[in-house]
Amino acid sequence: MNILDILTMIFLLIGAAFLLVGSIGLFRLPDFYMRLHAPTKASTLGIGSILVASIIFYSFKGDGLSIKEFLITLFIFLTAPITAHMLSKAVLHVRQEPRPDTLNIEILEDIRNRK
C-alpha cells in the first residue's frame, strides 16, 4: 500500500463521513430551513472529497489526468449552493412558518417583503 492509496482512502472516508452526516441531518432536523442546510453543505463537501479521491486515483493509476472529474466538481460546487438558495427563497415566498425557536425570526417579514 503506497501513499496514493492511503490518500485516496482518506478522501473517500472523509467524503463518506460528510455524506452520512448530511443524510442524518436531513432525517433528524425538524425544520425545512435546517433540513436544507445539512444536506447542502454536507453533500457539497462529501461529493467534493470523493471526486478529489477519484482525481488522485485515476491521475496516477489510470490513463492520466482527466478533465471529467474537474468539470463534475465545478458543476457540483456551483449548482448545490444556488439550488439551496432558490429553494429557500421559494419557501420564503410561500410563507412557510419556521419553528418558534428559530433565531432572528423577527426579521423574517422584512426579508419576505423585500423586492
Protein backbone atom coordinates (compact mmCIF):
# COMPACT_ATOMS: atom_id res chain seq x y z
CA MET A 1 0.00 0.00 0.00
CA ASN A 2 1.62 3.22 -1.13
CA ILE A 3 0.94 6.84 -0.25
CA LEU A 4 -1.51 7.37 -3.14
CA ASP A 5 -3.72 4.52 -1.95
CA ILE A 6 -3.72 5.92 1.57
CA LEU A 7 -4.51 9.43 0.31
CA THR A 8 -7.34 8.10 -1.85
CA MET A 9 -8.71 6.12 1.08
CA ILE A 10 -8.59 9.18 3.36
CA PHE A 11 -10.52 11.34 0.89
CA LEU A 12 -13.07 8.57 0.34
CA LEU A 13 -13.62 8.21 4.09
CA ILE A 14 -13.92 11.98 4.55
CA GLY A 15 -16.46 12.14 1.73
CA ALA A 16 -18.44 9.22 3.10
CA ALA A 17 -18.48 10.78 6.57
CA PHE A 18 -19.78 14.11 5.24
CA LEU A 19 -22.47 12.37 3.21
CA LEU A 20 -23.51 10.30 6.23
CA VAL A 21 -23.77 13.40 8.42
CA GLY A 22 -25.81 15.18 5.76
CA SER A 23 -28.18 12.24 5.44
CA ILE A 24 -28.64 12.05 9.20
CA GLY A 25 -29.22 15.81 9.31
CA LEU A 26 -31.88 15.54 6.61
CA PHE A 27 -33.65 12.86 8.60
CA ARG A 28 -33.33 14.32 12.09
CA LEU A 29 -33.64 18.09 11.75
CA PRO A 30 -37.15 19.42 12.35
CA ASP A 31 -37.50 22.48 10.12
CA PHE A 32 -37.28 22.94 6.34
CA TYR A 33 -34.55 25.55 6.67
CA MET A 34 -32.47 23.29 8.88
CA ARG A 35 -33.13 20.31 6.62
CA LEU A 36 -31.98 22.34 3.67
CA HIS A 37 -28.74 23.40 5.35
CA ALA A 38 -27.45 19.99 6.43
CA PRO A 39 -27.53 18.07 3.14
CA THR A 40 -26.48 21.03 1.01
CA LYS A 41 -23.28 21.70 2.91
CA ALA A 42 -22.52 18.06 3.58
CA SER A 43 -23.21 16.84 0.07
CA THR A 44 -21.04 19.54 -1.45
CA LEU A 45 -18.10 18.63 0.77
CA GLY A 46 -18.79 14.89 0.58
CA ILE A 47 -19.06 14.67 -3.18
CA GLY A 48 -16.11 17.07 -3.49
CA SER A 49 -13.94 14.80 -1.34
CA ILE A 50 -14.98 11.70 -3.27
CA LEU A 51 -14.20 13.44 -6.55
CA VAL A 52 -10.79 14.51 -5.23
CA ALA A 53 -10.16 10.85 -4.37
CA SER A 54 -11.18 9.92 -7.92
CA ILE A 55 -8.85 12.56 -9.35
CA ILE A 56 -5.95 11.26 -7.26
CA PHE A 57 -6.63 7.63 -8.10
CA TYR A 58 -7.16 7.96 -11.84
CA SER A 59 -4.38 10.51 -12.31
CA PHE A 60 -1.74 8.09 -11.08
CA LYS A 61 -3.29 4.66 -11.64
CA GLY A 62 -5.34 5.27 -14.76
CA ASP A 63 -4.78 6.94 -18.08
CA GLY A 64 -3.58 10.20 -16.62
CA LEU A 65 -5.22 13.42 -15.58
CA SER A 66 -8.83 13.62 -16.73
CA ILE A 67 -10.85 16.78 -17.09
CA LYS A 68 -14.13 14.97 -16.32
CA GLU A 69 -13.65 14.96 -12.55
CA PHE A 70 -12.72 18.64 -12.55
CA LEU A 71 -15.83 19.53 -14.53
CA ILE A 72 -18.08 17.46 -12.26
CA THR A 73 -16.55 19.07 -9.18
CA LEU A 74 -17.01 22.55 -10.64
CA PHE A 75 -20.61 21.75 -11.56
CA ILE A 76 -21.42 20.44 -8.06
CA PHE A 77 -19.74 23.38 -6.30
CA LEU A 78 -21.65 25.86 -8.47
CA THR A 79 -25.09 24.26 -8.55
CA ALA A 80 -25.60 23.00 -4.98
CA PRO A 81 -25.45 26.42 -3.25
CA ILE A 82 -27.53 28.04 -5.99
CA THR A 83 -30.18 25.34 -5.70
CA ALA A 84 -30.30 25.72 -1.92
CA HIS A 85 -30.69 29.48 -2.28
CA MET A 86 -33.51 29.10 -4.79
CA LEU A 87 -35.33 26.59 -2.56
CA SER A 88 -35.04 28.85 0.48
CA LYS A 89 -36.34 31.85 -1.49
CA ALA A 90 -39.27 29.80 -2.73
CA VAL A 91 -40.17 28.76 0.80
CA LEU A 92 -39.96 32.38 1.93
CA HIS A 93 -42.44 33.40 -0.74
CA VAL A 94 -44.79 30.54 0.11
CA ARG A 95 -44.64 31.89 3.68
CA GLN A 96 -43.96 28.61 5.42
CA GLU A 97 -43.55 29.38 9.09
CA PRO A 98 -40.30 28.38 10.78
CA ARG A 99 -40.13 26.83 14.21
CA PRO A 100 -40.73 29.22 17.11
CA ASP A 101 -37.22 28.71 18.47
CA THR A 102 -35.57 29.85 15.21
CA LEU A 103 -33.05 32.64 15.67
CA ASN A 104 -33.75 36.06 14.12
CA ILE A 105 -37.39 35.22 13.47
CA GLU A 106 -38.34 38.88 13.99
CA ILE A 107 -36.69 39.92 10.71
CA LEU A 108 -38.47 37.28 8.67
CA GLU A 109 -41.24 39.63 7.48
CA ASP A 110 -38.69 42.24 6.43
CA ILE A 111 -36.91 39.63 4.32
CA ARG A 112 -40.17 38.43 2.80
CA ASN A 113 -41.28 41.94 1.87
CA ARG A 114 -38.03 42.90 0.14
CA LYS A 115 -38.26 43.44 -3.56
